[in-house]
Every structure is written in C-alpha cells, then in structure tokens.
C-alpha cells in the first residue's frame, strides 16, 4: 500500500487530491 502526504487538504487542489487518492486506495496523511 502506498502512502501519500497531502498538505492543504481542507480546500482547493489539496482537497481534490485527497479525494482522488482515497478513491484509488492510497493511505493518506493529511495536514490542514
């Protein structure tokens, strides 16, 4: 399982990336 660190995930492109990676099955580390 791959892990992704996303900063600025509360809005904008960070949020879009978080949703996309989650749908693809990645484990997420989210900050803000």
N, C-alpha and C. Protein backbone atom coordinates (compact mmCIF):
# COMPACT_ATOMS: atom_id res chain seq x y z
N UNK A 1 0.85 -1.18 0.00
CA UNK A 1 0.00 0.00 0.00
C UNK A 1 0.89 1.24 0.00
N UNK A 2 0.60 2.16 -0.87
CA UNK A 2 1.36 3.41 -0.93
C UNK A 2 0.74 4.44 -0.02
N UNK A 3 1.59 5.31 0.51
CA UNK A 3 1.15 6.37 1.41
C UNK A 3 1.43 7.73 0.77
N UNK A 4 0.48 8.64 0.91
CA UNK A 4 0.60 9.98 0.35
C UNK A 4 0.45 11.00 1.47
N UNK A 5 1.35 11.99 1.51
CA UNK A 5 1.24 13.12 2.43
C UNK A 5 0.69 14.30 1.66
N UNK A 6 -0.43 14.84 2.14
CA UNK A 6 -1.07 15.97 1.47
C UNK A 6 -1.19 17.12 2.46
N UNK A 7 -0.63 18.27 2.09
CA UNK A 7 -0.78 19.47 2.91
C UNK A 7 -1.82 20.36 2.24
N UNK A 8 -2.56 21.11 3.03
CA UNK A 8 -3.60 21.99 2.48
C UNK A 8 -4.80 21.21 1.97
N UNK A 9 -5.14 20.12 2.64
CA UNK A 9 -6.20 19.23 2.15
C UNK A 9 -7.61 19.69 2.50
N UNK A 10 -7.75 20.83 3.17
CA UNK A 10 -9.09 21.27 3.57
C UNK A 10 -9.84 21.97 2.44
N UNK A 11 -9.13 22.39 1.38
CA UNK A 11 -9.81 23.04 0.26
C UNK A 11 -8.94 23.01 -0.99
N UNK A 12 -9.55 23.38 -2.09
CA UNK A 12 -8.83 23.54 -3.35
C UNK A 12 -8.21 22.26 -3.89
N UNK A 13 -7.04 22.43 -4.51
CA UNK A 13 -6.38 21.29 -5.16
C UNK A 13 -5.95 20.23 -4.15
N UNK A 14 -5.61 20.64 -2.94
CA UNK A 14 -5.26 19.67 -1.90
C UNK A 14 -6.42 18.75 -1.57
N UNK A 15 -7.61 19.33 -1.47
CA UNK A 15 -8.81 18.54 -1.20
C UNK A 15 -9.10 17.60 -2.37
N UNK A 16 -8.99 18.10 -3.57
CA UNK A 16 -9.24 17.27 -4.75
C UNK A 16 -8.26 16.11 -4.81
N UNK A 17 -7.01 16.37 -4.50
CA UNK A 17 -6.00 15.30 -4.50
C UNK A 17 -6.31 14.27 -3.42
N UNK A 18 -6.71 14.72 -2.24
CA UNK A 18 -7.03 13.80 -1.15
C UNK A 18 -8.18 12.88 -1.54
N UNK A 19 -9.20 13.43 -2.15
CA UNK A 19 -10.35 12.62 -2.58
C UNK A 19 -9.93 11.62 -3.64
N UNK A 20 -9.15 12.07 -4.59
CA UNK A 20 -8.71 11.19 -5.69
C UNK A 20 -7.86 10.04 -5.18
N UNK A 21 -6.87 10.36 -4.34
CA UNK A 21 -6.00 9.30 -3.82
C UNK A 21 -6.78 8.33 -2.94
N UNK A 22 -7.72 8.83 -2.15
CA UNK A 22 -8.53 7.95 -1.29
C UNK A 22 -9.35 6.99 -2.14
N UNK A 23 -9.94 7.48 -3.22
CA UNK A 23 -10.73 6.62 -4.10
C UNK A 23 -9.88 5.55 -4.76
N UNK A 24 -8.60 5.85 -4.98
CA UNK A 24 -7.69 4.90 -5.62
C UNK A 24 -7.05 3.95 -4.62
N UNK A 25 -7.40 4.09 -3.34
CA UNK A 25 -6.95 3.13 -2.34
C UNK A 25 -5.65 3.46 -1.63
N UNK A 26 -5.15 4.67 -1.79
CA UNK A 26 -3.92 5.07 -1.10
C UNK A 26 -4.20 5.32 0.37
N UNK A 27 -3.17 5.13 1.20
CA UNK A 27 -3.27 5.52 2.61
C UNK A 27 -2.85 6.99 2.67
N UNK A 28 -3.63 7.81 3.35
CA UNK A 28 -3.40 9.25 3.36
C UNK A 28 -2.90 9.75 4.71
N UNK A 29 -1.98 10.69 4.65
CA UNK A 29 -1.59 11.50 5.81
C UNK A 29 -1.97 12.92 5.41
N UNK A 30 -2.92 13.49 6.13
CA UNK A 30 -3.49 14.78 5.74
C UNK A 30 -3.17 15.84 6.79
N UNK A 31 -2.74 17.01 6.30
CA UNK A 31 -2.44 18.15 7.16
C UNK A 31 -3.18 19.36 6.61
N UNK A 32 -4.08 19.92 7.42
CA UNK A 32 -4.77 21.15 7.05
C UNK A 32 -5.57 21.02 5.84
